[in-house]
C-alpha atoms as a PDB file:
ATOM      1  CA  UNK A   1      43.362   0.664  18.266  1.00  0.00           C
ATOM      2  CA  UNK A   2      44.316   2.896  15.354  1.00  0.00           C
ATOM      3  CA  UNK A   3      42.349   0.709  12.946  1.00  0.00           C
ATOM      4  CA  UNK A   4      39.145   0.860  15.020  1.00  0.00           C
ATOM      5  CA  UNK A   5      39.586   4.573  15.620  1.00  0.00           C
ATOM      6  CA  UNK A   6      39.897   5.227  11.871  1.00  0.00           C
ATOM      7  CA  UNK A   7      36.909   2.939  11.193  1.00  0.00           C
ATOM      8  CA  UNK A   8      34.760   4.773  13.764  1.00  0.00           C
ATOM      9  CA  UNK A   9      35.828   8.206  12.528  1.00  0.00           C
ATOM     10  CA  UNK A  10      35.067   7.326   8.910  1.00  0.00           C
ATOM     11  CA  UNK A  11      31.629   5.846   9.606  1.00  0.00           C
ATOM     12  CA  UNK A  12      30.301   7.977  12.469  1.00  0.00           C
ATOM     13  CA  UNK A  13      31.654  11.102  10.809  1.00  0.00           C
ATOM     14  CA  UNK A  14      29.640  10.374   7.651  1.00  0.00           C
ATOM     15  CA  UNK A  15      32.655  10.193   5.365  1.00  0.00           C
ATOM     16  CA  UNK A  16      31.672   6.678   4.173  1.00  0.00           C
ATOM     17  CA  UNK A  17      28.158   5.592   3.341  1.00  0.00           C
ATOM     18  CA  UNK A  18      26.752   2.849   5.543  1.00  0.00           C
ATOM     19  CA  UNK A  19      25.778   1.008   2.362  1.00  0.00           C
ATOM     20  CA  UNK A  20      29.480   0.286   1.823  1.00  0.00           C
ATOM     21  CA  UNK A  21      30.815   0.205   5.380  1.00  0.00           C
ATOM     22  CA  UNK A  22      28.733  -0.078   8.531  1.00  0.00           C
ATOM     23  CA  UNK A  23      29.874   1.533  11.783  1.00  0.00           C
ATOM     24  CA  UNK A  24      31.313  -0.597  14.595  1.00  0.00           C
ATOM     25  CA  UNK A  25      28.167  -0.506  16.736  1.00  0.00           C
ATOM     26  CA  UNK A  26      25.970  -1.688  13.864  1.00  0.00           C
ATOM     27  CA  UNK A  27      28.435  -4.491  13.198  1.00  0.00           C
ATOM     28  CA  UNK A  28      28.310  -5.623  16.812  1.00  0.00           C
ATOM     29  CA  UNK A  29      24.500  -5.502  16.916  1.00  0.00           C
ATOM     30  CA  UNK A  30      24.224  -7.429  13.625  1.00  0.00           C
ATOM     31  CA  UNK A  31      26.744 -10.019  14.779  1.00  0.00           C
ATOM     32  CA  UNK A  32      24.829 -10.549  18.040  1.00  0.00           C
ATOM     33  CA  UNK A  33      21.609 -10.958  16.083  1.00  0.00           C
ATOM     34  CA  UNK A  34      23.210 -13.496  13.775  1.00  0.00           C
ATOM     35  CA  UNK A  35      24.479 -15.571  16.681  1.00  0.00           C
ATOM     36  CA  UNK A  36      21.399 -15.406  18.945  1.00  0.00           C
ATOM     37  CA  UNK A  37      18.423 -15.225  16.562  1.00  0.00           C
ATOM     38  CA  UNK A  38      19.471 -16.543  13.170  1.00  0.00           C
ATOM     39  CA  UNK A  39      21.420 -19.682  14.079  1.00  0.00           C
ATOM     40  CA  UNK A  40      24.824 -18.515  12.845  1.00  0.00           C
ATOM     41  CA  UNK A  41      26.578 -20.766  15.379  1.00  0.00           C
ATOM     42  CA  UNK A  42      25.090 -23.784  13.581  1.00  0.00           C
ATOM     43  CA  UNK A  43      26.430 -22.492  10.255  1.00  0.00           C
ATOM     44  CA  UNK A  44      29.851 -21.989  11.793  1.00  0.00           C
ATOM     45  CA  UNK A  45      29.750 -25.521  13.192  1.00  0.00           C
ATOM     46  CA  UNK A  46      28.930 -27.039   9.801  1.00  0.00           C
ATOM     47  CA  UNK A  47      31.697 -25.049   8.082  1.00  0.00           C
ATOM     48  CA  UNK A  48      34.301 -25.994  10.689  1.00  0.00           C
ATOM     49  CA  UNK A  49      33.318 -29.655  10.406  1.00  0.00           C
ATOM     50  CA  UNK A  50      33.703 -29.581   6.587  1.00  0.00           C
ATOM     51  CA  UNK A  51      37.075 -27.836   6.720  1.00  0.00           C
ATOM     52  CA  UNK A  52      38.489 -30.139   9.405  1.00  0.00           C
ATOM     53  CA  UNK A  53      37.003 -33.301   7.850  1.00  0.00           C
ATOM     54  CA  UNK A  54      38.201 -32.647   4.324  1.00  0.00           C
ATOM     55  CA  UNK A  55      41.593 -31.400   5.453  1.00  0.00           C
ATOM     56  CA  UNK A  56      42.241 -34.374   7.760  1.00  0.00           C
ATOM     57  CA  UNK A  57      41.312 -36.838   5.010  1.00  0.00           C
ATOM     58  CA  UNK A  58      43.684 -35.008   2.640  1.00  0.00           C
ATOM     59  CA  UNK A  59      46.506 -35.029   5.209  1.00  0.00           C
ATOM     60  CA  UNK A  60      46.079 -38.726   5.983  1.00  0.00           C
ATOM     61  CA  UNK A  61      46.736 -39.565   2.325  1.00  0.00           C
ATOM     62  CA  UNK A  62      49.077 -36.696   1.367  1.00  0.00           C
ATOM     63  CA  UNK A  63      51.631 -36.914   4.201  1.00  0.00           C
ATOM     64  CA  UNK A  64      52.679 -40.545   3.574  1.00  0.00           C
ATOM     65  CA  UNK A  65      52.657 -40.060  -0.171  1.00  0.00           C
ATOM     66  CA  UNK A  66      54.662 -36.843   0.069  1.00  0.00           C
ATOM     67  CA  UNK A  67      57.243 -38.473   2.365  1.00  0.00           C
ATOM     68  CA  UNK A  68      57.557 -41.427   0.002  1.00  0.00           C
ATOM     69  CA  UNK A  69      57.976 -39.172  -3.019  1.00  0.00           C
ATOM     70  CA  UNK A  70      60.642 -37.149  -1.227  1.00  0.00           C
ATOM     71  CA  UNK A  71      62.509 -40.263  -0.140  1.00  0.00           C
ATOM     72  CA  UNK A  72      62.409 -42.308  -3.359  1.00  0.00           C
ATOM     73  CA  UNK A  73      63.163 -40.647  -6.674  1.00  0.00           C
ATOM     74  CA  UNK A  74      61.414 -43.296  -8.880  1.00  0.00           C
ATOM     75  CA  UNK A  75      58.152 -42.761  -6.971  1.00  0.00           C
ATOM     76  CA  UNK A  76      58.559 -39.010  -7.251  1.00  0.00           C
ATOM     77  CA  UNK A  77      59.159 -39.287 -10.999  1.00  0.00           C
ATOM     78  CA  UNK A  78      55.972 -41.319 -11.365  1.00  0.00           C
ATOM     79  CA  UNK A  79      53.613 -39.065  -9.358  1.00  0.00           C
ATOM     80  CA  UNK A  80      55.153 -35.616  -9.716  1.00  0.00           C
ATOM     81  CA  UNK A  81      53.927 -34.714 -13.241  1.00  0.00           C
ATOM     82  CA  UNK A  82      50.317 -35.491 -12.380  1.00  0.00           C
ATOM     83  CA  UNK A  83      50.435 -33.826  -8.956  1.00  0.00           C
ATOM     84  CA  UNK A  84      52.141 -30.726 -10.364  1.00  0.00           C
ATOM     85  CA  UNK A  85      49.461 -30.430 -13.061  1.00  0.00           C
ATOM     86  CA  UNK A  86      46.541 -30.914 -10.669  1.00  0.00           C
ATOM     87  CA  UNK A  87      48.030 -28.531  -8.125  1.00  0.00           C
ATOM     88  CA  UNK A  88      47.325 -25.490 -10.251  1.00  0.00           C
ATOM     89  CA  UNK A  89      43.739 -26.412 -11.125  1.00  0.00           C
ATOM     90  CA  UNK A  90      41.309 -24.367  -9.005  1.00  0.00           C
ATOM     91  CA  UNK A  91      39.271 -26.511  -6.649  1.00  0.00           C
ATOM     92  CA  UNK A  92      36.103 -24.707  -7.686  1.00  0.00           C
ATOM     93  CA  UNK A  93      36.541 -26.093 -11.209  1.00  0.00           C
ATOM     94  CA  UNK A  94      35.796 -29.570  -9.870  1.00  0.00           C
ATOM     95  CA  UNK A  95      32.473 -28.596  -8.337  1.00  0.00           C
ATOM     96  CA  UNK A  96      30.247 -29.479 -11.360  1.00  0.00           C
ATOM     97  CA  UNK A  97      31.889 -32.896 -11.642  1.00  0.00           C
ATOM     98  CA  UNK A  98      31.669 -33.502  -7.892  1.00  0.00           C
ATOM     99  CA  UNK A  99      27.966 -32.639  -7.913  1.00  0.00           C
ATOM    100  CA  UNK A 100      27.524 -35.161 -10.723  1.00  0.00           C
ATOM    101  CA  UNK A 101      29.514 -37.866  -8.942  1.00  0.00           C
ATOM    102  CA  UNK A 102      28.689 -37.217  -5.255  1.00  0.00           C
ATOM    103  CA  UNK A 103      25.513 -35.129  -5.301  1.00  0.00           C
ATOM    104  CA  UNK A 104      25.098 -31.968  -3.272  1.00  0.00           C
ATOM    105  CA  UNK A 105      25.488 -33.519   0.200  1.00  0.00           C
ATOM    106  CA  UNK A 106      28.377 -33.499   2.608  1.00  0.00           C
ATOM    107  CA  UNK A 107      30.458 -35.791   0.419  1.00  0.00           C
ATOM    108  CA  UNK A 108      30.686 -33.139  -2.234  1.00  0.00           C
ATOM    109  CA  UNK A 109      31.740 -30.446   0.249  1.00  0.00           C
ATOM    110  CA  UNK A 110      34.419 -32.693   1.777  1.00  0.00           C
ATOM    111  CA  UNK A 111      35.673 -33.673  -1.700  1.00  0.00           C
ATOM    112  CA  UNK A 112      36.205 -30.018  -2.646  1.00  0.00           C
ATOM    113  CA  UNK A 113      38.295 -29.459   0.515  1.00  0.00           C
ATOM    114  CA  UNK A 114      40.169 -32.727  -0.145  1.00  0.00           C
ATOM    115  CA  UNK A 115      41.044 -31.814  -3.740  1.00  0.00           C
ATOM    116  CA  UNK A 116      42.026 -28.250  -2.821  1.00  0.00           C
ATOM    117  CA  UNK A 117      44.347 -29.460  -0.024  1.00  0.00           C
ATOM    118  CA  UNK A 118      45.671 -32.813  -1.195  1.00  0.00           C
ATOM    119  CA  UNK A 119      47.762 -31.804  -4.187  1.00  0.00           C
ATOM    120  CA  UNK A 120      49.233 -28.797  -2.426  1.00  0.00           C
ATOM    121  CA  UNK A 121      50.254 -30.918   0.567  1.00  0.00           C
ATOM    122  CA  UNK A 122      51.801 -33.762  -1.473  1.00  0.00           C
ATOM    123  CA  UNK A 123      54.124 -31.554  -3.511  1.00  0.00           C
ATOM    124  CA  UNK A 124      55.177 -29.291  -0.674  1.00  0.00           C
ATOM    125  CA  UNK A 125      55.886 -32.212   1.676  1.00  0.00           C
ATOM    126  CA  UNK A 126      57.812 -34.058  -1.052  1.00  0.00           C
ATOM    127  CA  UNK A 127      60.017 -30.973  -1.628  1.00  0.00           C
ATOM    128  CA  UNK A 128      60.613 -30.626   2.121  1.00  0.00           C
ATOM    129  CA  UNK A 129      61.583 -34.256   2.624  1.00  0.00           C
ATOM    130  CA  UNK A 130      63.745 -34.286  -0.506  1.00  0.00           C
ATOM    131  CA  UNK A 131      65.662 -31.259   0.748  1.00  0.00           C
ATOM    132  CA  UNK A 132      66.943 -33.013   3.874  1.00  0.00           C
ATOM    133  CA  UNK A 133      70.657 -32.450   4.429  1.00  0.00           C
ATOM    134  CA  UNK A 134      72.623 -35.041   2.517  1.00  0.00           C
ATOM    135  CA  UNK A 135      75.304 -35.381   5.173  1.00  0.00           C
ATOM    136  CA  UNK A 136      72.709 -36.624   7.688  1.00  0.00           C
ATOM    137  CA  UNK A 137      71.611 -39.342   5.263  1.00  0.00           C
ATOM    138  CA  UNK A 138      75.190 -40.376   4.481  1.00  0.00           C
ATOM    139  CA  UNK A 139      76.041 -40.485   8.171  1.00  0.00           C
ATOM    140  CA  UNK A 140      73.095 -42.772   8.817  1.00  0.00           C
ATOM    141  CA  UNK A 141      74.143 -45.100   5.976  1.00  0.00           C
ATOM    142  CA  UNK A 142      77.663 -45.160   7.400  1.00  0.00           C
ATOM    143  CA  UNK A 143      76.282 -46.244  10.757  1.00  0.00           C
ATOM    144  CA  UNK A 144      74.441 -49.151   9.096  1.00  0.00           C
ATOM    145  CA  UNK A 145      70.891 -47.829   8.657  1.00  0.00           C
ATOM    146  CA  UNK A 146      68.724 -49.376   5.962  1.00  0.00           C
ATOM    147  CA  UNK A 147      66.287 -47.517   3.680  1.00  0.00           C
ATOM    148  CA  UNK A 148      63.394 -47.698   6.117  1.00  0.00           C
ATOM    149  CA  UNK A 149      65.648 -46.600   8.948  1.00  0.00           C
ATOM    150  CA  UNK A 150      66.740 -43.575   6.902  1.00  0.00           C
ATOM    151  CA  UNK A 151      63.101 -42.565   6.353  1.00  0.00           C
ATOM    152  CA  UNK A 152      62.048 -43.181   9.932  1.00  0.00           C
ATOM    153  CA  UNK A 153      65.089 -41.898  11.832  1.00  0.00           C
ATOM    154  CA  UNK A 154      66.457 -39.195   9.528  1.00  0.00           C
ATOM    155  CA  UNK A 155      64.080 -37.857   6.887  1.00  0.00           C
ATOM    156  CA  UNK A 156      60.869 -37.662   8.926  1.00  0.00           C
ATOM    157  CA  UNK A 157      62.427 -36.031  12.026  1.00  0.00           C
ATOM    158  CA  UNK A 158      64.383 -33.556   9.917  1.00  0.00           C
ATOM    159  CA  UNK A 159      61.345 -32.550   7.888  1.00  0.00           C
ATOM    160  CA  UNK A 160      58.769 -32.628  10.713  1.00  0.00           C
ATOM    161  CA  UNK A 161      58.876 -28.921  11.637  1.00  0.00           C
ATOM    162  CA  UNK A 162      58.489 -27.787   8.026  1.00  0.00           C
ATOM    163  CA  UNK A 163      55.766 -30.399   7.414  1.00  0.00           C
ATOM    164  CA  UNK A 164      53.834 -29.022  10.391  1.00  0.00           C
ATOM    165  CA  UNK A 165      54.227 -25.510   8.957  1.00  0.00           C
ATOM    166  CA  UNK A 166      52.957 -26.788   5.576  1.00  0.00           C
ATOM    167  CA  UNK A 167      49.878 -28.315   7.242  1.00  0.00           C
ATOM    168  CA  UNK A 168      49.152 -25.068   9.046  1.00  0.00           C
ATOM    169  CA  UNK A 169      49.497 -23.070   5.804  1.00  0.00           C
ATOM    170  CA  UNK A 170      47.263 -25.336   3.699  1.00  0.00           C
ATOM    171  CA  UNK A 171      44.658 -25.484   6.449  1.00  0.00           C
ATOM    172  CA  UNK A 172      44.263 -21.731   5.964  1.00  0.00           C
ATOM    173  CA  UNK A 173      43.770 -22.244   2.246  1.00  0.00           C
ATOM    174  CA  UNK A 174      41.072 -24.844   2.943  1.00  0.00           C
ATOM    175  CA  UNK A 175      38.871 -22.083   4.371  1.00  0.00           C
ATOM    176  CA  UNK A 176      38.740 -20.403   0.960  1.00  0.00           C
ATOM    177  CA  UNK A 177      37.628 -23.652  -0.665  1.00  0.00           C
ATOM    178  CA  UNK A 178      34.808 -24.380   1.764  1.00  0.00           C
ATOM    179  CA  UNK A 179      33.070 -21.071   1.193  1.00  0.00           C
ATOM    180  CA  UNK A 180      33.008 -21.763  -2.558  1.00  0.00           C
ATOM    181  CA  UNK A 181      31.754 -25.304  -1.936  1.00  0.00           C
ATOM    182  CA  UNK A 182      28.910 -24.021   0.287  1.00  0.00           C
ATOM    183  CA  UNK A 183      27.661 -21.500  -2.232  1.00  0.00           C
ATOM    184  CA  UNK A 184      26.097 -24.317  -4.270  1.00  0.00           C
ATOM    185  CA  UNK A 185      23.566 -26.802  -2.911  1.00  0.00           C
ATOM    186  CA  UNK A 186      24.158 -26.215   0.807  1.00  0.00           C
ATOM    187  CA  UNK A 187      21.505 -25.901   3.460  1.00  0.00           C
ATOM    188  CA  UNK A 188      23.885 -24.960   6.288  1.00  0.00           C
ATOM    189  CA  UNK A 189      27.265 -23.222   6.569  1.00  0.00           C
ATOM    190  CA  UNK A 190      28.813 -19.789   6.200  1.00  0.00           C
ATOM    191  CA  UNK A 191      28.664 -19.957   2.401  1.00  0.00           C
ATOM    192  CA  UNK A 192      24.977 -20.842   2.553  1.00  0.00           C
ATOM    193  CA  UNK A 193      24.421 -17.924   4.929  1.00  0.00           C
ATOM    194  CA  UNK A 194      26.078 -15.554   2.434  1.00  0.00           C
ATOM    195  CA  UNK A 195      23.907 -16.808  -0.423  1.00  0.00           C
ATOM    196  CA  UNK A 196      20.752 -16.722   1.688  1.00  0.00           C
ATOM    197  CA  UNK A 197      21.498 -13.151   2.847  1.00  0.00           C
ATOM    198  CA  UNK A 198      22.022 -12.039  -0.743  1.00  0.00           C
ATOM    199  CA  UNK A 199      18.494 -13.155  -1.636  1.00  0.00           C
ATOM    200  CA  UNK A 200      17.174 -10.675   0.903  1.00  0.00           C
ATOM    201  CA  UNK A 201      18.959  -7.726  -0.747  1.00  0.00           C
ATOM    202  CA  UNK A 202      17.889  -5.170  -1.775  1.00  0.00           C
ATOM    203  CA  UNK A 203      15.065  -4.839   0.755  1.00  0.00           C
ATOM    204  CA  UNK A 204      11.554  -4.620  -0.511  1.00  0.00           C
ATOM    205  CA  UNK A 205      10.082  -1.164  -0.912  1.00  0.00           C
ATOM    206  CA  UNK A 206       7.562   0.062   1.527  1.00  0.00           C
ATOM    207  CA  UNK A 207       4.009   0.774   0.530  1.00  0.00           C
ATOM    208  CA  UNK A 208       4.737   4.521   0.568  1.00  0.00           C
ATOM    209  CA  UNK A 209       7.125   4.006  -2.317  1.00  0.00           C
ATOM    210  CA  UNK A 210       4.548   2.411  -4.557  1.00  0.00           C
ATOM    211  CA  UNK A 211       4.384   3.289  -8.226  1.00  0.00           C
ATOM    212  CA  UNK A 212       2.778   6.635  -9.043  1.00  0.00           C
ATOM    213  CA  UNK A 213      -0.813   6.710 -10.103  1.00  0.00           C
ATOM    214  CA  UNK A 214      -1.682   7.265 -13.780  1.00  0.00           C
END
C-alpha cells in the first residue's frame, strides 16, 4: 500500500516525468491494451514454454549427474573442473555459437536456457549431496547397505529438500536467460515484444512539427 501510494503521489503530483515513470492508471490501461489488442498473452505463452522446456531438459540431465558427482569422488574429480569453468560463463556469450549451430528457431532458445541452468544445477546439487551427514552414511554401511543403497536410501532423501530449493532458485535465473535469448531472432515472446516496442520509439513527429520553411 505504501509503495503504490508513493508511486501515485510521485506521478500524479508531477514530481516525476511520465517519460521516466508512468502513473498507475496509465500502466493499467497499457497492460490491458497489451493483453487484449496486441497479443501479449501469446508472447507470455511462448516465453513460459521456453523457460519450462529448457529448464526441464537441464534438470533431467543435471540432477542425476549432480547426485553421482556428490556420491562418488572420482566422478566429481573428472567433471568438476569443466563444470566449474563453464558455470561462470554468461549464457548470452553462447548465443552467436548457438545461432550458428541451431539457427534462430526454438532449439536455439531452449539451448540458451539449458546452458544457463545446467552447469549451475550440477555443481550446486553435487555440493548438496556431498555434504550429507557422514554419520548417516556410516550407519547405513554398518547395517549392510551397498553403494547403490547408500545413494538411494541415504544421500537422495537427505539432499532432497535442498535439491528442490536449488531447482526453485535456478528456475528464477532461467527467466533472465530467456529474455536475452528472445532479443535476437525471435518472432514471439516477451523479449521479442521488448525489441518490437523499441522500434516504435520515439514516436514519429506530427505534420505540425515539420521542418521550417526556407
